C-alpha atoms as a PDB file:
ATOM      1  CA  UNK A   1      86.718  91.137 123.752  1.00  0.00           C
ATOM      2  CA  UNK A   2      86.729  88.071 121.700  1.00  0.00           C
ATOM      3  CA  UNK A   3      86.345  88.682 118.027  1.00  0.00           C
ATOM      4  CA  UNK A   4      85.671  85.973 115.723  1.00  0.00           C
ATOM      5  CA  UNK A   5      87.819  85.323 112.173  1.00  0.00           C
ATOM      6  CA  UNK A   6      84.909  85.926 110.173  1.00  0.00           C
ATOM      7  CA  UNK A   7      84.472  89.433 111.829  1.00  0.00           C
ATOM      8  CA  UNK A   8      87.990  89.963 110.968  1.00  0.00           C
ATOM      9  CA  UNK A   9      87.612  89.097 107.427  1.00  0.00           C
ATOM     10  CA  UNK A  10      84.161  90.599 107.050  1.00  0.00           C
ATOM     11  CA  UNK A  11      86.038  94.054 108.356  1.00  0.00           C
ATOM     12  CA  UNK A  12      88.901  93.587 106.107  1.00  0.00           C
ATOM     13  CA  UNK A  13      86.791  93.073 102.992  1.00  0.00           C
ATOM     14  CA  UNK A  14      84.821  96.055 103.735  1.00  0.00           C
ATOM     15  CA  UNK A  15      87.642  98.454 103.893  1.00  0.00           C
ATOM     16  CA  UNK A  16      88.732  97.088 100.914  1.00  0.00           C
ATOM     17  CA  UNK A  17      85.712  97.880  99.260  1.00  0.00           C
ATOM     18  CA  UNK A  18      85.930 101.364 100.425  1.00  0.00           C
ATOM     19  CA  UNK A  19      89.180 101.629  98.830  1.00  0.00           C
ATOM     20  CA  UNK A  20      88.210 100.233  95.830  1.00  0.00           C
ATOM     21  CA  UNK A  21      85.039 102.529  95.627  1.00  0.00           C
ATOM     22  CA  UNK A  22      87.413 105.217  96.123  1.00  0.00           C
ATOM     23  CA  UNK A  23      89.993 104.171  93.534  1.00  0.00           C
ATOM     24  CA  UNK A  24      87.255 103.648  90.807  1.00  0.00           C
ATOM     25  CA  UNK A  25      85.564 107.224  91.352  1.00  0.00           C
ATOM     26  CA  UNK A  26      88.326 109.550  92.367  1.00  0.00           C
ATOM     27  CA  UNK A  27      90.933 107.868  90.299  1.00  0.00           C
ATOM     28  CA  UNK A  28      89.145 106.981  87.297  1.00  0.00           C
ATOM     29  CA  UNK A  29      90.635 110.025  85.721  1.00  0.00           C
ATOM     30  CA  UNK A  30      93.508 112.190  86.853  1.00  0.00           C
ATOM     31  CA  UNK A  31      92.283 115.516  87.812  1.00  0.00           C
ATOM     32  CA  UNK A  32      92.830 117.996  90.594  1.00  0.00           C
ATOM     33  CA  UNK A  33      90.511 117.446  93.680  1.00  0.00           C
ATOM     34  CA  UNK A  34      88.311 120.161  94.534  1.00  0.00           C
ATOM     35  CA  UNK A  35      87.441 121.426  98.003  1.00  0.00           C
ATOM     36  CA  UNK A  36      83.946 120.525  97.521  1.00  0.00           C
ATOM     37  CA  UNK A  37      84.606 116.883  96.390  1.00  0.00           C
ATOM     38  CA  UNK A  38      87.123 116.523  99.176  1.00  0.00           C
ATOM     39  CA  UNK A  39      84.605 117.622 101.822  1.00  0.00           C
ATOM     40  CA  UNK A  40      81.778 115.018 100.515  1.00  0.00           C
ATOM     41  CA  UNK A  41      84.489 112.215 100.741  1.00  0.00           C
ATOM     42  CA  UNK A  42      85.681 113.503 104.185  1.00  0.00           C
ATOM     43  CA  UNK A  43      81.820 113.403 105.514  1.00  0.00           C
ATOM     44  CA  UNK A  44      81.546 109.883 103.861  1.00  0.00           C
ATOM     45  CA  UNK A  45      84.317 108.446 105.717  1.00  0.00           C
ATOM     46  CA  UNK A  46      83.396 110.105 108.841  1.00  0.00           C
ATOM     47  CA  UNK A  47      79.995 108.698 108.533  1.00  0.00           C
ATOM     48  CA  UNK A  48      81.299 105.087 107.762  1.00  0.00           C
ATOM     49  CA  UNK A  49      83.451 105.694 110.928  1.00  0.00           C
ATOM     50  CA  UNK A  50      80.454 106.559 113.156  1.00  0.00           C
ATOM     51  CA  UNK A  51      78.301 104.034 111.538  1.00  0.00           C
ATOM     52  CA  UNK A  52      80.966 101.226 112.559  1.00  0.00           C
ATOM     53  CA  UNK A  53      81.172 102.808 116.013  1.00  0.00           C
ATOM     54  CA  UNK A  54      77.117 102.487 116.450  1.00  0.00           C
ATOM     55  CA  UNK A  55      77.527  98.733 115.211  1.00  0.00           C
ATOM     56  CA  UNK A  56      80.091  98.239 117.961  1.00  0.00           C
ATOM     57  CA  UNK A  57      78.019  99.894 120.705  1.00  0.00           C
ATOM     58  CA  UNK A  58      74.962  97.732 119.428  1.00  0.00           C
ATOM     59  CA  UNK A  59      77.081  94.345 119.351  1.00  0.00           C
ATOM     60  CA  UNK A  60      79.695  94.790 121.541  1.00  0.00           C
ATOM     61  CA  UNK A  61      78.618  97.293 124.252  1.00  0.00           C
ATOM     62  CA  UNK A  62      79.343 100.781 125.045  1.00  0.00           C
ATOM     63  CA  UNK A  63      82.924 100.267 126.520  1.00  0.00           C
ATOM     64  CA  UNK A  64      84.137  98.647 123.121  1.00  0.00           C
ATOM     65  CA  UNK A  65      82.391 101.469 121.151  1.00  0.00           C
ATOM     66  CA  UNK A  66      83.774 104.305 123.393  1.00  0.00           C
ATOM     67  CA  UNK A  67      87.439 102.796 122.958  1.00  0.00           C
ATOM     68  CA  UNK A  68      87.038 102.857 119.202  1.00  0.00           C
ATOM     69  CA  UNK A  69      85.639 106.649 119.228  1.00  0.00           C
ATOM     70  CA  UNK A  70      88.594 107.697 121.457  1.00  0.00           C
ATOM     71  CA  UNK A  71      91.094 105.775 119.346  1.00  0.00           C
ATOM     72  CA  UNK A  72      89.800 107.139 116.121  1.00  0.00           C
ATOM     73  CA  UNK A  73      89.783 110.488 117.047  1.00  0.00           C
ATOM     74  CA  UNK A  74      93.084 110.518 118.387  1.00  0.00           C
ATOM     75  CA  UNK A  75      94.547 108.553 115.503  1.00  0.00           C
ATOM     76  CA  UNK A  76      92.561 111.301 113.108  1.00  0.00           C
ATOM     77  CA  UNK A  77      94.049 114.101 115.048  1.00  0.00           C
ATOM     78  CA  UNK A  78      97.585 112.662 114.991  1.00  0.00           C
ATOM     79  CA  UNK A  79      97.010 112.401 111.184  1.00  0.00           C
ATOM     80  CA  UNK A  80      97.410 116.220 110.718  1.00  0.00           C
ATOM     81  CA  UNK A  81     100.832 115.344 111.587  1.00  0.00           C
ATOM     82  CA  UNK A  82     101.103 113.329 108.321  1.00  0.00           C
ATOM     83  CA  UNK A  83      99.511 116.023 106.356  1.00  0.00           C
ATOM     84  CA  UNK A  84     102.137 118.606 107.310  1.00  0.00           C
ATOM     85  CA  UNK A  85     104.836 116.320 106.148  1.00  0.00           C
ATOM     86  CA  UNK A  86     102.774 115.131 103.183  1.00  0.00           C
ATOM     87  CA  UNK A  87     102.500 118.986 102.025  1.00  0.00           C
ATOM     88  CA  UNK A  88     106.177 119.222 102.654  1.00  0.00           C
ATOM     89  CA  UNK A  89     106.897 116.303 100.355  1.00  0.00           C
ATOM     90  CA  UNK A  90     104.456 117.214  97.565  1.00  0.00           C
ATOM     91  CA  UNK A  91     106.031 120.784  97.418  1.00  0.00           C
ATOM     92  CA  UNK A  92     109.636 119.640  97.370  1.00  0.00           C
ATOM     93  CA  UNK A  93     109.186 117.140  94.467  1.00  0.00           C
ATOM     94  CA  UNK A  94     106.533 119.537  92.781  1.00  0.00           C
ATOM     95  CA  UNK A  95     104.272 116.716  92.223  1.00  0.00           C
ATOM     96  CA  UNK A  96     101.137 117.507  89.841  1.00  0.00           C
ATOM     97  CA  UNK A  97      98.176 118.426  91.666  1.00  0.00           C
ATOM     98  CA  UNK A  98      96.429 116.089  89.073  1.00  0.00           C
ATOM     99  CA  UNK A  99      98.532 113.295  90.493  1.00  0.00           C
ATOM    100  CA  UNK A 100      98.677 114.082  94.011  1.00  0.00           C
ATOM    101  CA  UNK A 101      95.834 112.029  95.075  1.00  0.00           C
ATOM    102  CA  UNK A 102      97.555 108.957  93.456  1.00  0.00           C
ATOM    103  CA  UNK A 103     100.588 109.628  95.560  1.00  0.00           C
ATOM    104  CA  UNK A 104      98.489 109.844  98.702  1.00  0.00           C
ATOM    105  CA  UNK A 105      96.473 106.939  98.132  1.00  0.00           C
ATOM    106  CA  UNK A 106      99.980 104.668  97.833  1.00  0.00           C
ATOM    107  CA  UNK A 107     100.923 106.290 101.151  1.00  0.00           C
ATOM    108  CA  UNK A 108      97.667 105.123 102.661  1.00  0.00           C
ATOM    109  CA  UNK A 109      97.907 101.577 101.673  1.00  0.00           C
ATOM    110  CA  UNK A 110     101.653 101.566 102.592  1.00  0.00           C
ATOM    111  CA  UNK A 111     100.631 102.997 105.888  1.00  0.00           C
ATOM    112  CA  UNK A 112      97.907 100.450 106.713  1.00  0.00           C
ATOM    113  CA  UNK A 113     100.275  97.611 105.966  1.00  0.00           C
ATOM    114  CA  UNK A 114     102.992  98.883 108.237  1.00  0.00           C
ATOM    115  CA  UNK A 115     100.728  99.869 110.945  1.00  0.00           C
ATOM    116  CA  UNK A 116      98.916  96.306 110.682  1.00  0.00           C
ATOM    117  CA  UNK A 117     102.066  94.830 111.369  1.00  0.00           C
ATOM    118  CA  UNK A 118     102.994  97.122 114.274  1.00  0.00           C
ATOM    119  CA  UNK A 119      99.846  96.448 115.763  1.00  0.00           C
ATOM    120  CA  UNK A 120     100.346  92.734 115.378  1.00  0.00           C
ATOM    121  CA  UNK A 121     103.636  92.872 117.054  1.00  0.00           C
ATOM    122  CA  UNK A 122     102.320  95.420 119.610  1.00  0.00           C
ATOM    123  CA  UNK A 123      99.443  93.045 120.966  1.00  0.00           C
ATOM    124  CA  UNK A 124     101.804  89.956 121.328  1.00  0.00           C
ATOM    125  CA  UNK A 125     104.368  92.085 123.165  1.00  0.00           C
ATOM    126  CA  UNK A 126     101.536  93.435 125.461  1.00  0.00           C
ATOM    127  CA  UNK A 127     100.047  89.827 125.990  1.00  0.00           C
ATOM    128  CA  UNK A 128     103.480  88.556 127.009  1.00  0.00           C
ATOM    129  CA  UNK A 129     105.032  91.467 128.874  1.00  0.00           C
ATOM    130  CA  UNK A 130     102.629  93.768 130.759  1.00  0.00           C
ATOM    131  CA  UNK A 131     105.642  96.148 131.479  1.00  0.00           C
ATOM    132  CA  UNK A 132     105.996  96.993 128.182  1.00  0.00           C
ATOM    133  CA  UNK A 133     103.325  99.633 128.987  1.00  0.00           C
ATOM    134  CA  UNK A 134     106.076 101.654 130.937  1.00  0.00           C
ATOM    135  CA  UNK A 135     108.100 101.820 127.762  1.00  0.00           C
ATOM    136  CA  UNK A 136     105.136 102.849 125.589  1.00  0.00           C
ATOM    137  CA  UNK A 137     104.131 105.655 128.349  1.00  0.00           C
ATOM    138  CA  UNK A 138     107.665 107.107 128.753  1.00  0.00           C
ATOM    139  CA  UNK A 139     107.848 107.147 124.776  1.00  0.00           C
ATOM    140  CA  UNK A 140     104.589 108.956 124.577  1.00  0.00           C
ATOM    141  CA  UNK A 141     105.729 111.444 127.187  1.00  0.00           C
ATOM    142  CA  UNK A 142     108.822 112.109 125.687  1.00  0.00           C
ATOM    143  CA  UNK A 143     107.238 112.628 122.552  1.00  0.00           C
ATOM    144  CA  UNK A 144     104.945 115.084 123.704  1.00  0.00           C
ATOM    145  CA  UNK A 145     107.494 117.078 125.227  1.00  0.00           C
ATOM    146  CA  UNK A 146     109.588 117.004 121.915  1.00  0.00           C
ATOM    147  CA  UNK A 147     106.552 118.025 120.237  1.00  0.00           C
ATOM    148  CA  UNK A 148     105.571 120.815 122.376  1.00  0.00           C
ATOM    149  CA  UNK A 149     109.094 121.994 121.828  1.00  0.00           C
ATOM    150  CA  UNK A 150     109.527 121.682 118.102  1.00  0.00           C
ATOM    151  CA  UNK A 151     106.038 121.703 116.803  1.00  0.00           C
ATOM    152  CA  UNK A 152     104.985 119.800 113.597  1.00  0.00           C
ATOM    153  CA  UNK A 153     107.789 121.469 111.552  1.00  0.00           C
ATOM    154  CA  UNK A 154     105.567 122.749 108.795  1.00  0.00           C
ATOM    155  CA  UNK A 155     107.843 125.615 108.067  1.00  0.00           C
ATOM    156  CA  UNK A 156     110.802 123.259 107.537  1.00  0.00           C
ATOM    157  CA  UNK A 157     112.454 122.218 104.411  1.00  0.00           C
ATOM    158  CA  UNK A 158     112.356 118.793 103.178  1.00  0.00           C
ATOM    159  CA  UNK A 159     115.801 116.843 103.411  1.00  0.00           C
ATOM    160  CA  UNK A 160     115.761 113.544 101.786  1.00  0.00           C
ATOM    161  CA  UNK A 161     116.193 110.761 103.902  1.00  0.00           C
ATOM    162  CA  UNK A 162     118.755 108.146 103.637  1.00  0.00           C
ATOM    163  CA  UNK A 163     116.520 105.371 101.627  1.00  0.00           C
ATOM    164  CA  UNK A 164     115.521 108.253  99.108  1.00  0.00           C
ATOM    165  CA  UNK A 165     119.009 109.059  98.572  1.00  0.00           C
ATOM    166  CA  UNK A 166     119.999 105.590  98.163  1.00  0.00           C
ATOM    167  CA  UNK A 167     117.173 104.904  95.510  1.00  0.00           C
ATOM    168  CA  UNK A 168     118.504 108.138  93.410  1.00  0.00           C
ATOM    169  CA  UNK A 169     121.826 106.659  93.591  1.00  0.00           C
ATOM    170  CA  UNK A 170     121.428 103.165  92.280  1.00  0.00           C
ATOM    171  CA  UNK A 171     118.391 103.744  90.160  1.00  0.00           C
ATOM    172  CA  UNK A 172     118.051 105.592  87.011  1.00  0.00           C
ATOM    173  CA  UNK A 173     115.735 108.426  87.265  1.00  0.00           C
ATOM    174  CA  UNK A 174     114.056 110.743  84.730  1.00  0.00           C
ATOM    175  CA  UNK A 175     114.127 114.385  85.385  1.00  0.00           C
ATOM    176  CA  UNK A 176     110.318 114.742  84.449  1.00  0.00           C
ATOM    177  CA  UNK A 177     107.135 113.457  85.499  1.00  0.00           C
ATOM    178  CA  UNK A 178     105.462 111.021  82.877  1.00  0.00           C
ATOM    179  CA  UNK A 179     101.874 111.326  84.043  1.00  0.00           C
ATOM    180  CA  UNK A 180     101.133 108.961  87.186  1.00  0.00           C
ATOM    181  CA  UNK A 181     103.632 106.613  85.893  1.00  0.00           C
ATOM    182  CA  UNK A 182     106.420 105.221  88.283  1.00  0.00           C
ATOM    183  CA  UNK A 183     108.177 103.285  85.618  1.00  0.00           C
ATOM    184  CA  UNK A 184     108.627 104.426  81.907  1.00  0.00           C
ATOM    185  CA  UNK A 185     110.764 103.192  79.043  1.00  0.00           C
ATOM    186  CA  UNK A 186     113.147 105.827  77.208  1.00  0.00           C
ATOM    187  CA  UNK A 187     114.977 105.117  74.079  1.00  0.00           C
ATOM    188  CA  UNK A 188     114.089 101.275  74.748  1.00  0.00           C
ATOM    189  CA  UNK A 189     115.338 101.247  78.482  1.00  0.00           C
ATOM    190  CA  UNK A 190     113.463 101.095  81.661  1.00  0.00           C
ATOM    191  CA  UNK A 191     113.832 104.109  83.904  1.00  0.00           C
ATOM    192  CA  UNK A 192     112.076 105.184  87.144  1.00  0.00           C
ATOM    193  CA  UNK A 193     109.952 108.423  87.462  1.00  0.00           C
ATOM    194  CA  UNK A 194     110.089 111.020  90.186  1.00  0.00           C
ATOM    195  CA  UNK A 195     106.607 109.573  91.153  1.00  0.00           C
ATOM    196  CA  UNK A 196     108.590 106.469  92.344  1.00  0.00           C
ATOM    197  CA  UNK A 197     110.792 108.658  94.534  1.00  0.00           C
ATOM    198  CA  UNK A 198     108.081 110.453  95.998  1.00  0.00           C
ATOM    199  CA  UNK A 199     106.237 107.312  97.086  1.00  0.00           C
ATOM    200  CA  UNK A 200     109.204 106.158  98.548  1.00  0.00           C
ATOM    201  CA  UNK A 201     109.567 109.312 100.817  1.00  0.00           C
ATOM    202  CA  UNK A 202     105.716 109.112 101.546  1.00  0.00           C
ATOM    203  CA  UNK A 203     106.449 105.529 102.712  1.00  0.00           C
ATOM    204  CA  UNK A 204     109.395 105.763 104.894  1.00  0.00           C
ATOM    205  CA  UNK A 205     107.389 108.877 106.502  1.00  0.00           C
ATOM    206  CA  UNK A 206     104.564 106.584 107.173  1.00  0.00           C
ATOM    207  CA  UNK A 207     106.881 104.362 109.195  1.00  0.00           C
ATOM    208  CA  UNK A 208     107.903 107.009 111.398  1.00  0.00           C
ATOM    209  CA  UNK A 209     104.538 107.936 112.003  1.00  0.00           C
ATOM    210  CA  UNK A 210     103.279 104.318 112.984  1.00  0.00           C
ATOM    211  CA  UNK A 211     105.806 103.968 115.524  1.00  0.00           C
ATOM    212  CA  UNK A 212     104.407 107.236 117.116  1.00  0.00           C
ATOM    213  CA  UNK A 213     100.784 106.690 116.943  1.00  0.00           C
ATOM    214  CA  UNK A 214     100.475 102.815 117.807  1.00  0.00           C
ATOM    215  CA  UNK A 215     101.800 103.031 121.245  1.00  0.00           C
ATOM    216  CA  UNK A 216      99.034 106.169 121.626  1.00  0.00           C
ATOM    217  CA  UNK A 217      96.250 104.035 120.538  1.00  0.00           C
ATOM    218  CA  UNK A 218      97.078 100.759 122.966  1.00  0.00           C
ATOM    219  CA  UNK A 219      96.986 103.344 125.704  1.00  0.00           C
ATOM    220  CA  UNK A 220      93.175 103.737 124.967  1.00  0.00           C
ATOM    221  CA  UNK A 221      92.322 100.009 124.169  1.00  0.00           C
ATOM    222  CA  UNK A 222      94.446  96.931 124.149  1.00  0.00           C
ATOM    223  CA  UNK A 223      92.035  95.121 121.894  1.00  0.00           C
ATOM    224  CA  UNK A 224      93.673  94.395 118.674  1.00  0.00           C
ATOM    225  CA  UNK A 225      90.799  94.809 116.639  1.00  0.00           C
ATOM    226  CA  UNK A 226      89.655  98.279 117.806  1.00  0.00           C
ATOM    227  CA  UNK A 227      93.357  99.291 117.117  1.00  0.00           C
ATOM    228  CA  UNK A 228      93.149  98.228 113.694  1.00  0.00           C
ATOM    229  CA  UNK A 229      89.777  99.566 112.907  1.00  0.00           C
ATOM    230  CA  UNK A 230      90.578 103.070 114.336  1.00  0.00           C
ATOM    231  CA  UNK A 231      93.877 103.267 112.554  1.00  0.00           C
ATOM    232  CA  UNK A 232      92.060 102.138 109.188  1.00  0.00           C
ATOM    233  CA  UNK A 233      89.242 104.368 109.454  1.00  0.00           C
ATOM    234  CA  UNK A 234      91.504 107.444 110.239  1.00  0.00           C
ATOM    235  CA  UNK A 235      93.726 106.593 107.519  1.00  0.00           C
ATOM    236  CA  UNK A 236      90.877 106.097 104.827  1.00  0.00           C
ATOM    237  CA  UNK A 237      89.994 109.772 104.999  1.00  0.00           C
ATOM    238  CA  UNK A 238      93.346 111.237 105.304  1.00  0.00           C
ATOM    239  CA  UNK A 239      93.587 111.529 101.630  1.00  0.00           C
ATOM    240  CA  UNK A 240      90.601 113.807 100.995  1.00  0.00           C
ATOM    241  CA  UNK A 241      91.252 115.610 104.193  1.00  0.00           C
ATOM    242  CA  UNK A 242      94.674 116.670 102.652  1.00  0.00           C
ATOM    243  CA  UNK A 243      92.771 118.285  99.869  1.00  0.00           C
ATOM    244  CA  UNK A 244      89.946 119.758 102.159  1.00  0.00           C
ATOM    245  CA  UNK A 245      92.035 121.440 104.643  1.00  0.00           C
ATOM    246  CA  UNK A 246      95.153 122.701 102.286  1.00  0.00           C
ATOM    247  CA  UNK A 247      96.077 126.076 103.462  1.00  0.00           C
ATOM    248  CA  UNK A 248      94.099 125.690 106.599  1.00  0.00           C
ATOM    249  CA  UNK A 249      96.745 123.304 108.175  1.00  0.00           C
ATOM    250  CA  UNK A 250      99.221 126.181 108.810  1.00  0.00           C
ATOM    251  CA  UNK A 251      96.579 128.233 110.536  1.00  0.00           C
ATOM    252  CA  UNK A 252      96.631 125.577 113.310  1.00  0.00           C
ATOM    253  CA  UNK A 253      99.231 127.304 115.068  1.00  0.00           C
ATOM    254  CA  UNK A 254      98.310 125.572 118.384  1.00  0.00           C
ATOM    255  CA  UNK A 255      97.814 122.079 117.259  1.00  0.00           C
ATOM    256  CA  UNK A 256     101.330 120.851 118.455  1.00  0.00           C
ATOM    257  CA  UNK A 257     100.415 122.013 121.913  1.00  0.00           C
ATOM    258  CA  UNK A 258      96.864 120.344 121.662  1.00  0.00           C
ATOM    259  CA  UNK A 259      98.787 116.959 120.463  1.00  0.00           C
ATOM    260  CA  UNK A 260     101.574 117.063 123.017  1.00  0.00           C
ATOM    261  CA  UNK A 261      98.868 117.424 125.829  1.00  0.00           C
ATOM    262  CA  UNK A 262      97.219 114.357 124.250  1.00  0.00           C
ATOM    263  CA  UNK A 263     100.312 112.151 124.022  1.00  0.00           C
ATOM    264  CA  UNK A 264     101.389 113.181 127.469  1.00  0.00           C
ATOM    265  CA  UNK A 265      97.929 112.376 128.749  1.00  0.00           C
ATOM    266  CA  UNK A 266      98.117 108.974 127.236  1.00  0.00           C
ATOM    267  CA  UNK A 267     101.356 108.357 128.285  1.00  0.00           C
ATOM    268  CA  UNK A 268     100.501 108.888 132.017  1.00  0.00           C
ATOM    269  CA  UNK A 269      97.524 106.789 131.446  1.00  0.00           C
ATOM    270  CA  UNK A 270      99.693 103.945 130.312  1.00  0.00           C
ATOM    271  CA  UNK A 271     102.151 104.249 133.339  1.00  0.00           C
ATOM    272  CA  UNK A 272      99.307 104.103 135.792  1.00  0.00           C
ATOM    273  CA  UNK A 273      97.850 101.012 134.096  1.00  0.00           C
ATOM    274  CA  UNK A 274     101.127  99.499 134.048  1.00  0.00           C
ATOM    275  CA  UNK A 275     101.573 100.183 137.852  1.00  0.00           C
ATOM    276  CA  UNK A 276      97.990  98.839 138.562  1.00  0.00           C
ATOM    277  CA  UNK A 277      99.280  95.699 136.784  1.00  0.00           C
ATOM    278  CA  UNK A 278     102.685  95.855 138.052  1.00  0.00           C
ATOM    279  CA  UNK A 279     105.019  92.411 138.119  1.00  0.00           C
ATOM    280  CA  UNK A 280     108.264  94.172 138.177  1.00  0.00           C
ATOM    281  CA  UNK A 281     110.216  93.109 141.289  1.00  0.00           C
ATOM    282  CA  UNK A 282     111.995  96.456 141.754  1.00  0.00           C
ATOM    283  CA  UNK A 283     108.530  97.957 141.908  1.00  0.00           C
ATOM    284  CA  UNK A 284     106.771  97.457 145.069  1.00  0.00           C
ATOM    285  CA  UNK A 285     107.942  93.990 145.384  1.00  0.00           C
ATOM    286  CA  UNK A 286     106.578  92.853 142.208  1.00  0.00           C
ATOM    287  CA  UNK A 287     102.965  93.617 143.348  1.00  0.00           C
ATOM    288  CA  UNK A 288     100.439  95.870 142.044  1.00  0.00           C
ATOM    289  CA  UNK A 289     100.427  99.523 142.996  1.00  0.00           C
ATOM    290  CA  UNK A 290      96.930 100.938 144.208  1.00  0.00           C
ATOM    291  CA  UNK A 291      96.893 103.859 141.702  1.00  0.00           C
ATOM    292  CA  UNK A 292      93.818 105.288 140.056  1.00  0.00           C
ATOM    293  CA  UNK A 293      92.797 104.179 136.523  1.00  0.00           C
ATOM    294  CA  UNK A 294      91.538 106.537 133.905  1.00  0.00           C
ATOM    295  CA  UNK A 295      88.374 105.140 132.145  1.00  0.00           C
ATOM    296  CA  UNK A 296      87.690 105.582 128.518  1.00  0.00           C
ATOM    297  CA  UNK A 297      84.631 107.947 129.387  1.00  0.00           C
ATOM    298  CA  UNK A 298      87.377 110.636 130.659  1.00  0.00           C
ATOM    299  CA  UNK A 299      89.774 109.474 127.828  1.00  0.00           C
ATOM    300  CA  UNK A 300      87.313 110.565 125.257  1.00  0.00           C
ATOM    301  CA  UNK A 301      86.324 113.557 126.720  1.00  0.00           C
ATOM    302  CA  UNK A 302      90.008 114.732 127.474  1.00  0.00           C
ATOM    303  CA  UNK A 303      90.813 114.209 123.868  1.00  0.00           C
ATOM    304  CA  UNK A 304      87.861 116.031 122.653  1.00  0.00           C
ATOM    305  CA  UNK A 305      88.124 118.898 124.791  1.00  0.00           C
ATOM    306  CA  UNK A 306      91.818 119.627 124.174  1.00  0.00           C
ATOM    307  CA  UNK A 307      91.213 119.032 120.396  1.00  0.00           C
ATOM    308  CA  UNK A 308      88.615 121.944 120.466  1.00  0.00           C
ATOM    309  CA  UNK A 309      90.181 124.382 122.507  1.00  0.00           C
ATOM    310  CA  UNK A 310      93.379 124.141 120.507  1.00  0.00           C
ATOM    311  CA  UNK A 311      91.527 124.283 117.137  1.00  0.00           C
ATOM    312  CA  UNK A 312      89.441 127.333 118.192  1.00  0.00           C
ATOM    313  CA  UNK A 313      92.575 129.142 119.903  1.00  0.00           C
ATOM    314  CA  UNK A 314      94.500 128.492 116.512  1.00  0.00           C
ATOM    315  CA  UNK A 315      91.929 130.116 114.224  1.00  0.00           C
ATOM    316  CA  UNK A 316      91.242 132.905 116.311  1.00  0.00           C
ATOM    317  CA  UNK A 317      94.878 133.796 116.395  1.00  0.00           C
ATOM    318  CA  UNK A 318      95.324 133.326 112.635  1.00  0.00           C
ATOM    319  CA  UNK A 319      92.547 135.210 112.181  1.00  0.00           C
ATOM    320  CA  UNK A 320      93.933 138.320 114.276  1.00  0.00           C
ATOM    321  CA  UNK A 321      97.393 137.873 112.785  1.00  0.00           C
ATOM    322  CA  UNK A 322      96.150 137.744 109.465  1.00  0.00           C
ATOM    323  CA  UNK A 323      94.122 141.122 109.863  1.00  0.00           C
ATOM    324  CA  UNK A 324      97.428 142.556 111.597  1.00  0.00           C
ATOM    325  CA  UNK A 325      99.659 141.552 108.865  1.00  0.00           C
ATOM    326  CA  UNK A 326     100.141 143.276 105.521  1.00  0.00           C
ATOM    327  CA  UNK A 327      99.717 141.382 102.121  1.00  0.00           C
ATOM    328  CA  UNK A 328     102.916 139.893 101.170  1.00  0.00           C
ATOM    329  CA  UNK A 329     103.358 138.944  97.396  1.00  0.00           C
ATOM    330  CA  UNK A 330     103.612 135.162  96.746  1.00  0.00           C
ATOM    331  CA  UNK A 331     107.232 134.060  96.271  1.00  0.00           C
ATOM    332  CA  UNK A 332     108.434 131.787  93.576  1.00  0.00           C
ATOM    333  CA  UNK A 333     111.310 129.326  93.463  1.00  0.00           C
ATOM    334  CA  UNK A 334     112.688 125.995  92.476  1.00  0.00           C
ATOM    335  CA  UNK A 335     111.450 123.073  94.219  1.00  0.00           C
ATOM    336  CA  UNK A 336     113.674 120.769  95.822  1.00  0.00           C
ATOM    337  CA  UNK A 337     114.239 117.233  94.897  1.00  0.00           C
ATOM    338  CA  UNK A 338     115.631 118.040  91.448  1.00  0.00           C
ATOM    339  CA  UNK A 339     112.238 118.210  89.857  1.00  0.00           C
ATOM    340  CA  UNK A 340     111.073 120.802  87.825  1.00  0.00           C
ATOM    341  CA  UNK A 341     107.774 122.636  88.698  1.00  0.00           C
ATOM    342  CA  UNK A 342     104.623 121.579  87.567  1.00  0.00           C
ATOM    343  CA  UNK A 343     103.287 123.124  84.785  1.00  0.00           C
ATOM    344  CA  UNK A 344     101.567 122.587  81.413  1.00  0.00           C
ATOM    345  CA  UNK A 345     104.217 120.307  80.191  1.00  0.00           C
ATOM    346  CA  UNK A 346     105.045 118.588  83.633  1.00  0.00           C
ATOM    347  CA  UNK A 347     103.204 115.365  82.335  1.00  0.00           C
ATOM    348  CA  UNK A 348     104.198 115.341  78.690  1.00  0.00           C
ATOM    349  CA  UNK A 349     105.728 111.824  77.886  1.00  0.00           C
ATOM    350  CA  UNK A 350     108.586 113.373  75.791  1.00  0.00           C
ATOM    351  CA  UNK A 351     112.225 112.252  75.299  1.00  0.00           C
ATOM    352  CA  UNK A 352     113.459 113.732  78.187  1.00  0.00           C
ATOM    353  CA  UNK A 353     117.072 114.019  79.740  1.00  0.00           C
ATOM    354  CA  UNK A 354     117.748 111.106  82.069  1.00  0.00           C
ATOM    355  CA  UNK A 355     119.638 111.253  85.641  1.00  0.00           C
ATOM    356  CA  UNK A 356     121.434 108.056  85.306  1.00  0.00           C
ATOM    357  CA  UNK A 357     122.443 106.251  88.538  1.00  0.00           C
ATOM    358  CA  UNK A 358     126.089 106.758  89.835  1.00  0.00           C
END
């Protein structure tokens, strides 16, 4: 699939326009995003992805469209993992709800940039070394086993990573949020706010997600254009999906198993493709191995069926558990990260105590 430069530029330009529209409409005034507003935006982004896939079908054929939709659905489902971690980070740093959408926007932009870099590197590696599919496949199978054993970790407490701890140590950070600002002046001196630290935490989490997701989508298509666009459309709607799902995320109890099955399936598919194109001298004398190939139609069907089964099973189990469990009063506590809980005065730009570096 040869993609002209102007198509790349037009696609990136269109994605930037979508981001700009989102930024102007949603971020024109800090506010708490409602479920209805989030639902409309999620529907809008899904419609954009479907329209893009239909365009691929019309101009590039059914195979390209099938690979895009398989990649898009896979990336969208793997993004649920992002949402669990985002929930933990937002809670740990007590980010005011009216500013959570800004943090998510920064996280999505960082994710797009980092995944673009990973996609470029992955495409070059695949073009030069077909055996890299063995590594990708083995990594995905390992990730699948790990995910099935550990789950998504939604009940874990957030622990700051090395980069976040380093930033706290060397930078002067205020103890309070100052609206949506990342940098403020206190007594004539420049200080960073907890918002800046949150963005570092989100950005480093995005980096880890990219390492997991890029090999998965390369198992469905080798075309960098389809890999990038599937990632982009999946990420674009992630911010609104966060507000739409909310507490529903914790009800998807079987999702880790479903994602593990999908990643394991794609890992096996990658290894079969690597064997089919084998050139390693210690495997079959460097000759291709006659193994069956898994078509994109089968891949798409497996992904959709697995997600449907795990989602329905999760909701049924959660409903039964909720009906059987007694009501538990909400617990209160001090959030992690050294940031006071968001309240009426969480955004007031007052002369507050400052956590100095050191």
